[in-house]
Amino acid sequence: MARYTNTKEISEAFIRDGWSENTSFSEVPLDEAKEKGLYFAVEAIKKGGKIFRMNISGNIFSDSGKLLMFHIPANN
């Protein structure tokens, strides 16, 4: 399984796999993962991994492209 080291690599892989040409990702930094309580992400980042957020959906992916968390917005 491929390991993506940056947002360009994971975006291009998803687009090749049939996702929209507008598919893009941003990296989740350690401080944000801690602030939002994403402890699985904190542990992965501390071990040298990268965590990516799909910009259109907010879903969180590992550096292997595995979906780790769905982003389901709540209405207040």
PDB file of N, CA and C in Angstrom:
ATOM      1  N   MET A   1       0.851  -1.176   0.000  1.00  0.00           N
ATOM      2  CA  MET A   1       0.000   0.000   0.000  1.00  0.00           C
ATOM      3  C   MET A   1       0.900   1.243   0.000  1.00  0.00           C
ATOM      4  N   ALA A   2       0.557   2.181  -0.834  1.00  0.00           N
ATOM      5  CA  ALA A   2       1.358   3.405  -0.966  1.00  0.00           C
ATOM      6  C   ALA A   2       1.293   4.246   0.298  1.00  0.00           C
ATOM      7  N   ARG A   3       2.362   4.928   0.576  1.00  0.00           N
ATOM      8  CA  ARG A   3       2.413   5.895   1.670  1.00  0.00           C
ATOM      9  C   ARG A   3       2.542   7.264   1.027  1.00  0.00           C
ATOM     10  N   TYR A   4       1.594   8.125   1.304  1.00  0.00           N
ATOM     11  CA  TYR A   4       1.605   9.474   0.737  1.00  0.00           C
ATOM     12  C   TYR A   4       2.340  10.395   1.697  1.00  0.00           C
ATOM     13  N   THR A   5       3.251  11.175   1.161  1.00  0.00           N
ATOM     14  CA  THR A   5       4.060  12.049   2.003  1.00  0.00           C
ATOM     15  C   THR A   5       3.605  13.499   1.960  1.00  0.00           C
ATOM     16  N   ASN A   6       2.688  13.814   1.023  1.00  0.00           N
ATOM     17  CA  ASN A   6       2.197  15.190   0.937  1.00  0.00           C
ATOM     18  C   ASN A   6       0.808  15.219   0.312  1.00  0.00           C
ATOM     19  N   THR A   7       0.182  16.378   0.366  1.00  0.00           N
ATOM     20  CA  THR A   7      -1.200  16.522  -0.105  1.00  0.00           C
ATOM     21  C   THR A   7      -1.325  16.329  -1.613  1.00  0.00           C
ATOM     22  N   LYS A   8      -0.302  16.697  -2.349  1.00  0.00           N
ATOM     23  CA  LYS A   8      -0.350  16.525  -3.800  1.00  0.00           C
ATOM     24  C   LYS A   8      -0.417  15.048  -4.171  1.00  0.00           C
ATOM     25  N   GLU A   9       0.411  14.234  -3.520  1.00  0.00           N
ATOM     26  CA  GLU A   9       0.435  12.799  -3.820  1.00  0.00           C
ATOM     27  C   GLU A   9      -0.910  12.132  -3.542  1.00  0.00           C
ATOM     28  N   ILE A  10      -1.494  12.404  -2.383  1.00  0.00           N
ATOM     29  CA  ILE A  10      -2.757  11.739  -2.046  1.00  0.00           C
ATOM     30  C   ILE A  10      -3.893  12.259  -2.929  1.00  0.00           C
ATOM     31  N   SER A  11      -3.886  13.548  -3.244  1.00  0.00           N
ATOM     32  CA  SER A  11      -4.910  14.107  -4.135  1.00  0.00           C
ATOM     33  C   SER A  11      -4.841  13.459  -5.505  1.00  0.00           C
ATOM     34  N   GLU A  12      -3.650  13.365  -6.074  1.00  0.00           N
ATOM     35  CA  GLU A  12      -3.477  12.760  -7.399  1.00  0.00           C
ATOM     36  C   GLU A  12      -3.893  11.294  -7.395  1.00  0.00           C
ATOM     37  N   ALA A  13      -3.598  10.570  -6.327  1.00  0.00           N
ATOM     38  CA  ALA A  13      -3.984   9.161  -6.239  1.00  0.00           C
ATOM     39  C   ALA A  13      -5.501   9.007  -6.218  1.00  0.00           C
ATOM     40  N   PHE A  14      -6.184   9.835  -5.469  1.00  0.00           N
ATOM     41  CA  PHE A  14      -7.646   9.758  -5.407  1.00  0.00           C
ATOM     42  C   PHE A  14      -8.258  10.120  -6.758  1.00  0.00           C
ATOM     43  N   ILE A  15      -7.707  11.120  -7.420  1.00  0.00           N
ATOM     44  CA  ILE A  15      -8.217  11.511  -8.740  1.00  0.00           C
ATOM     45  C   ILE A  15      -8.011  10.375  -9.743  1.00  0.00           C
ATOM     46  N   ARG A  16      -6.853   9.726  -9.714  1.00  0.00           N
ATOM     47  CA  ARG A  16      -6.596   8.568 -10.599  1.00  0.00           C
ATOM     48  C   ARG A  16      -7.573   7.428 -10.318  1.00  0.00           C
ATOM     49  N   ASP A  17      -8.023   7.350  -9.064  1.00  0.00           N
ATOM     50  CA  ASP A  17      -8.948   6.287  -8.664  1.00  0.00           C
ATOM     51  C   ASP A  17     -10.398   6.620  -9.002  1.00  0.00           C
ATOM     52  N   GLY A  18     -10.625   7.770  -9.647  1.00  0.00           N
ATOM     53  CA  GLY A  18     -11.974   8.096 -10.108  1.00  0.00           C
ATOM     54  C   GLY A  18     -12.677   9.223  -9.370  1.00  0.00           C
ATOM     55  N   TRP A  19     -12.025   9.795  -8.371  1.00  0.00           N
ATOM     56  CA  TRP A  19     -12.627  10.920  -7.668  1.00  0.00           C
ATOM     57  C   TRP A  19     -12.604  12.154  -8.567  1.00  0.00           C
ATOM     58  N   SER A  20     -13.367  13.159  -8.228  1.00  0.00           N
ATOM     59  CA  SER A  20     -13.456  14.404  -8.989  1.00  0.00           C
ATOM     60  C   SER A  20     -12.095  15.066  -9.156  1.00  0.00           C
ATOM     61  N   GLU A  21     -11.918  15.766 -10.255  1.00  0.00           N
ATOM     62  CA  GLU A  21     -10.686  16.523 -10.503  1.00  0.00           C
ATOM     63  C   GLU A  21     -10.468  17.607  -9.450  1.00  0.00           C
ATOM     64  N   ASN A  22     -11.520  17.975  -8.727  1.00  0.00           N
ATOM     65  CA  ASN A  22     -11.427  18.997  -7.681  1.00  0.00           C
ATOM     66  C   ASN A  22     -11.050  18.427  -6.315  1.00  0.00           C
ATOM     67  N   THR A  23     -10.792  17.141  -6.244  1.00  0.00           N
ATOM     68  CA  THR A  23     -10.451  16.500  -4.975  1.00  0.00           C
ATOM     69  C   THR A  23      -9.116  17.033  -4.470  1.00  0.00           C
ATOM     70  N   SER A  24      -9.114  17.489  -3.231  1.00  0.00           N
ATOM     71  CA  SER A  24      -7.877  17.989  -2.632  1.00  0.00           C
ATOM     72  C   SER A  24      -7.863  17.660  -1.142  1.00  0.00           C
ATOM     73  N   PHE A  25      -6.664  17.684  -0.591  1.00  0.00           N
ATOM     74  CA  PHE A  25      -6.459  17.345   0.810  1.00  0.00           C
ATOM     75  C   PHE A  25      -5.615  18.413   1.482  1.00  0.00           C
ATOM     76  N   SER A  26      -5.734  18.483   2.800  1.00  0.00           N
ATOM     77  CA  SER A  26      -4.833  19.300   3.613  1.00  0.00           C
ATOM     78  C   SER A  26      -4.296  18.387   4.721  1.00  0.00           C
ATOM     79  N   GLU A  27      -3.103  18.694   5.171  1.00  0.00           N
ATOM     80  CA  GLU A  27      -2.502  17.888   6.226  1.00  0.00           C
ATOM     81  C   GLU A  27      -3.022  18.351   7.580  1.00  0.00           C
ATOM     82  N   VAL A  28      -3.312  17.405   8.453  1.00  0.00           N
ATOM     83  CA  VAL A  28      -3.739  17.719   9.818  1.00  0.00           C
ATOM     84  C   VAL A  28      -2.475  17.798  10.671  1.00  0.00           C
ATOM     85  N   PRO A  29      -2.148  18.993  11.177  1.00  0.00           N
ATOM     86  CA  PRO A  29      -0.945  19.116  12.010  1.00  0.00           C
ATOM     87  C   PRO A  29      -1.181  18.586  13.420  1.00  0.00           C
ATOM     88  N   LEU A  30      -0.102  18.269  14.105  1.00  0.00           N
ATOM     89  CA  LEU A  30      -0.167  17.702  15.446  1.00  0.00           C
ATOM     90  C   LEU A  30      -0.956  18.581  16.407  1.00  0.00           C
ATOM     91  N   ASP A  31      -0.716  19.885  16.392  1.00  0.00           N
ATOM     92  CA  ASP A  31      -1.416  20.759  17.338  1.00  0.00           C
ATOM     93  C   ASP A  31      -2.924  20.764  17.104  1.00  0.00           C
ATOM     94  N   GLU A  32      -3.358  20.709  15.858  1.00  0.00           N
ATOM     95  CA  GLU A  32      -4.793  20.653  15.566  1.00  0.00           C
ATOM     96  C   GLU A  32      -5.389  19.326  16.004  1.00  0.00           C
ATOM     97  N   ALA A  33      -4.664  18.242  15.769  1.00  0.00           N
ATOM     98  CA  ALA A  33      -5.142  16.917  16.187  1.00  0.00           C
ATOM     99  C   ALA A  33      -5.337  16.880  17.699  1.00  0.00           C
ATOM    100  N   LYS A  34      -4.387  17.453  18.441  1.00  0.00           N
ATOM    101  CA  LYS A  34      -4.512  17.508  19.899  1.00  0.00           C
ATOM    102  C   LYS A  34      -5.704  18.364  20.305  1.00  0.00           C
ATOM    103  N   GLU A  35      -5.826  19.542  19.697  1.00  0.00           N
ATOM    104  CA  GLU A  35      -6.898  20.486  20.039  1.00  0.00           C
ATOM    105  C   GLU A  35      -8.279  19.884  19.808  1.00  0.00           C
ATOM    106  N   LYS A  36      -8.429  19.097  18.731  1.00  0.00           N
ATOM    107  CA  LYS A  36      -9.730  18.529  18.389  1.00  0.00           C
ATOM    108  C   LYS A  36      -9.962  17.149  19.011  1.00  0.00           C
ATOM    109  N   GLY A  37      -8.987  16.672  19.786  1.00  0.00           N
ATOM    110  CA  GLY A  37      -9.156  15.383  20.451  1.00  0.00           C
ATOM    111  C   GLY A  37      -9.059  14.193  19.519  1.00  0.00           C
ATOM    112  N   LEU A  38      -8.322  14.333  18.431  1.00  0.00           N
ATOM    113  CA  LEU A  38      -8.149  13.245  17.478  1.00  0.00           C
ATOM    114  C   LEU A  38      -6.944  12.400  17.909  1.00  0.00           C
ATOM    115  N   TYR A  39      -7.145  11.640  18.971  1.00  0.00           N
ATOM    116  CA  TYR A  39      -6.029  10.933  19.591  1.00  0.00           C
ATOM    117  C   TYR A  39      -5.411   9.882  18.683  1.00  0.00           C
ATOM    118  N   PHE A  40      -6.218   9.267  17.816  1.00  0.00           N
ATOM    119  CA  PHE A  40      -5.667   8.321  16.847  1.00  0.00           C
ATOM    120  C   PHE A  40      -4.704   9.042  15.906  1.00  0.00           C
ATOM    121  N   ALA A  41      -5.015  10.281  15.553  1.00  0.00           N
ATOM    122  CA  ALA A  41      -4.154  11.074  14.677  1.00  0.00           C
ATOM    123  C   ALA A  41      -2.890  11.507  15.413  1.00  0.00           C
ATOM    124  N   VAL A  42      -3.041  11.900  16.665  1.00  0.00           N
ATOM    125  CA  VAL A  42      -1.889  12.302  17.473  1.00  0.00           C
ATOM    126  C   VAL A  42      -0.884  11.154  17.526  1.00  0.00           C
ATOM    127  N   GLU A  43      -1.359   9.948  17.807  1.00  0.00           N
ATOM    128  CA  GLU A  43      -0.466   8.791  17.902  1.00  0.00           C
ATOM    129  C   GLU A  43       0.205   8.494  16.565  1.00  0.00           C
ATOM    130  N   ALA A  44      -0.549   8.559  15.485  1.00  0.00           N
ATOM    131  CA  ALA A  44       0.024   8.294  14.163  1.00  0.00           C
ATOM    132  C   ALA A  44       1.089   9.328  13.802  1.00  0.00           C
ATOM    133  N   ILE A  45       0.824  10.585  14.081  1.00  0.00           N
ATOM    134  CA  ILE A  45       1.773  11.653  13.768  1.00  0.00           C
ATOM    135  C   ILE A  45       3.037  11.500  14.616  1.00  0.00           C
ATOM    136  N   LYS A  46       2.859  11.180  15.895  1.00  0.00           N
ATOM    137  CA  LYS A  46       4.025  10.989  16.774  1.00  0.00           C
ATOM    138  C   LYS A  46       4.908   9.835  16.306  1.00  0.00           C
ATOM    139  N   LYS A  47       4.318   8.857  15.624  1.00  0.00           N
ATOM    140  CA  LYS A  47       5.073   7.712  15.116  1.00  0.00           C
ATOM    141  C   LYS A  47       5.650   7.979  13.725  1.00  0.00           C
ATOM    142  N   GLY A  48       5.503   9.219  13.250  1.00  0.00           N
ATOM    143  CA  GLY A  48       6.080   9.587  11.962  1.00  0.00           C
ATOM    144  C   GLY A  48       5.127   9.551  10.786  1.00  0.00           C
ATOM    145  N   GLY A  49       3.865   9.250  11.035  1.00  0.00           N
ATOM    146  CA  GLY A  49       2.881   9.198   9.962  1.00  0.00           C
ATOM    147  C   GLY A  49       2.322  10.569   9.628  1.00  0.00           C
ATOM    148  N   LYS A  50       1.569  10.612   8.564  1.00  0.00           N
ATOM    149  CA  LYS A  50       0.874  11.839   8.153  1.00  0.00           C
ATOM    150  C   LYS A  50      -0.622  11.547   8.189  1.00  0.00           C
ATOM    151  N   ILE A  51      -1.378  12.576   8.524  1.00  0.00           N
ATOM    152  CA  ILE A  51      -2.835  12.485   8.531  1.00  0.00           C
ATOM    153  C   ILE A  51      -3.357  13.573   7.605  1.00  0.00           C
ATOM    154  N   PHE A  52      -4.297  13.191   6.742  1.00  0.00           N
ATOM    155  CA  PHE A  52      -4.831  14.123   5.753  1.00  0.00           C
ATOM    156  C   PHE A  52      -6.341  14.277   5.887  1.00  0.00           C
ATOM    157  N   ARG A  53      -6.822  15.497   5.630  1.00  0.00           N
ATOM    158  CA  ARG A  53      -8.249  15.800   5.618  1.00  0.00           C
ATOM    159  C   ARG A  53      -8.662  16.091   4.180  1.00  0.00           C
ATOM    160  N   MET A  54      -9.714  15.402   3.715  1.00  0.00           N
ATOM    161  CA  MET A  54     -10.263  15.716   2.400  1.00  0.00           C
ATOM    162  C   MET A  54     -11.014  17.038   2.533  1.00  0.00           C
ATOM    163  N   ASN A  55     -10.616  18.011   1.741  1.00  0.00           N
ATOM    164  CA  ASN A  55     -11.144  19.366   1.918  1.00  0.00           C
ATOM    165  C   ASN A  55     -12.646  19.473   1.688  1.00  0.00           C
ATOM    166  N   ILE A  56     -13.186  18.770   0.721  1.00  0.00           N
ATOM    167  CA  ILE A  56     -14.606  18.903   0.405  1.00  0.00           C
ATOM    168  C   ILE A  56     -15.503  18.263   1.468  1.00  0.00           C
ATOM    169  N   SER A  57     -15.044  17.161   2.076  1.00  0.00           N
ATOM    170  CA  SER A  57     -15.903  16.427   3.012  1.00  0.00           C
ATOM    171  C   SER A  57     -15.501  16.592   4.471  1.00  0.00           C
ATOM    172  N   GLY A  58     -14.220  16.856   4.706  1.00  0.00           N
ATOM    173  CA  GLY A  58     -13.726  16.901   6.080  1.00  0.00           C
ATOM    174  C   GLY A  58     -13.359  15.534   6.631  1.00  0.00           C
ATOM    175  N   ASN A  59     -13.535  14.476   5.831  1.00  0.00           N
ATOM    176  CA  ASN A  59     -13.161  13.138   6.274  1.00  0.00           C
ATOM    177  C   ASN A  59     -11.652  13.058   6.479  1.00  0.00           C
ATOM    178  N   ILE A  60     -11.226  12.226   7.427  1.00  0.00           N
ATOM    179  CA  ILE A  60      -9.822  12.108   7.798  1.00  0.00           C
ATOM    180  C   ILE A  60      -9.270  10.781   7.269  1.00  0.00           C
ATOM    181  N   PHE A  61      -8.086  10.858   6.633  1.00  0.00           N
ATOM    182  CA  PHE A  61      -7.444   9.693   6.028  1.00  0.00           C
ATOM    183  C   PHE A  61      -6.023   9.535   6.553  1.00  0.00           C
ATOM    184  N   SER A  62      -5.555   8.280   6.570  1.00  0.00           N
ATOM    185  CA  SER A  62      -4.161   7.998   6.932  1.00  0.00           C
ATOM    186  C   SER A  62      -3.265   8.275   5.736  1.00  0.00           C
ATOM    187  N   ASP A  63      -1.952   8.153   5.958  1.00  0.00           N
ATOM    188  CA  ASP A  63      -1.014   8.364   4.865  1.00  0.00           C
ATOM    189  C   ASP A  63      -0.994   7.201   3.875  1.00  0.00           C
ATOM    190  N   SER A  64      -1.779   6.177   4.136  1.00  0.00           N
ATOM    191  CA  SER A  64      -1.943   5.088   3.172  1.00  0.00           C
ATOM    192  C   SER A  64      -3.259   5.221   2.408  1.00  0.00           C
ATOM    193  N   GLY A  65      -4.003   6.280   2.687  1.00  0.00           N
ATOM    194  CA  GLY A  65      -5.268   6.519   2.000  1.00  0.00           C
ATOM    195  C   GLY A  65      -6.460   5.855   2.654  1.00  0.00           C
ATOM    196  N   LYS A  66      -6.260   5.254   3.820  1.00  0.00           N
ATOM    197  CA  LYS A  66      -7.347   4.583   4.536  1.00  0.00           C
ATOM    198  C   LYS A  66      -8.206   5.621   5.266  1.00  0.00           C
ATOM    199  N   LEU A  67      -9.518   5.486   5.123  1.00  0.00           N
ATOM    200  CA  LEU A  67     -10.450   6.372   5.825  1.00  0.00           C
ATOM    201  C   LEU A  67     -10.399   6.062   7.315  1.00  0.00           C
ATOM    202  N   LEU A  68     -10.096   7.076   8.118  1.00  0.00           N
ATOM    203  CA  LEU A  68      -9.998   6.899   9.568  1.00  0.00           C
ATOM    204  C   LEU A  68     -11.203   7.457  10.305  1.00  0.00           C
ATOM    205  N   MET A  69     -11.818   8.514   9.745  1.00  0.00           N
ATOM    206  CA  MET A  69     -12.936   9.153  10.442  1.00  0.00           C
ATOM    207  C   MET A  69     -13.824   9.887   9.443  1.00  0.00           C
ATOM    208  N   PHE A  70     -15.126   9.624   9.549  1.00  0.00           N
ATOM    209  CA  PHE A  70     -16.099  10.388   8.775  1.00  0.00           C
ATOM    210  C   PHE A  70     -16.346  11.707   9.473  1.00  0.00           C
ATOM    211  N   HIS A  71     -16.495  12.754   8.705  1.00  0.00           N
ATOM    212  CA  HIS A  71     -16.883  14.049   9.253  1.00  0.00           C
ATOM    213  C   HIS A  71     -18.374  14.211   8.999  1.00  0.00           C
ATOM    214  N   ILE A  72     -19.153  14.138  10.054  1.00  0.00           N
ATOM    215  CA  ILE A  72     -20.602  14.276   9.942  1.00  0.00           C
ATOM    216  C   ILE A  72     -21.004  15.510  10.723  1.00  0.00           C
ATOM    217  N   PRO A  73     -21.267  16.616  10.020  1.00  0.00           N
ATOM    218  CA  PRO A  73     -21.626  17.846  10.724  1.00  0.00           C
ATOM    219  C   PRO A  73     -22.947  17.708  11.470  1.00  0.00           C
ATOM    220  N   ALA A  74     -23.024  18.335  12.604  1.00  0.00           N
ATOM    221  CA  ALA A  74     -24.246  18.327  13.416  1.00  0.00           C
ATOM    222  C   ALA A  74     -24.897  19.699  13.351  1.00  0.00           C
ATOM    223  N   ASN A  75     -26.200  19.702  13.318  1.00  0.00           N
ATOM    224  CA  ASN A  75     -26.928  20.964  13.354  1.00  0.00           C
ATOM    225  C   ASN A  75     -27.164  21.340  14.801  1.00  0.00           C
ATOM    226  N   ASN A  76     -26.879  22.573  15.115  1.00  0.00           N
ATOM    227  CA  ASN A  76     -27.110  23.052  16.494  1.00  0.00           C
ATOM    228  C   ASN A  76     -28.388  23.825  16.589  1.00  0.00           C
TER     229      ASN A  76
END
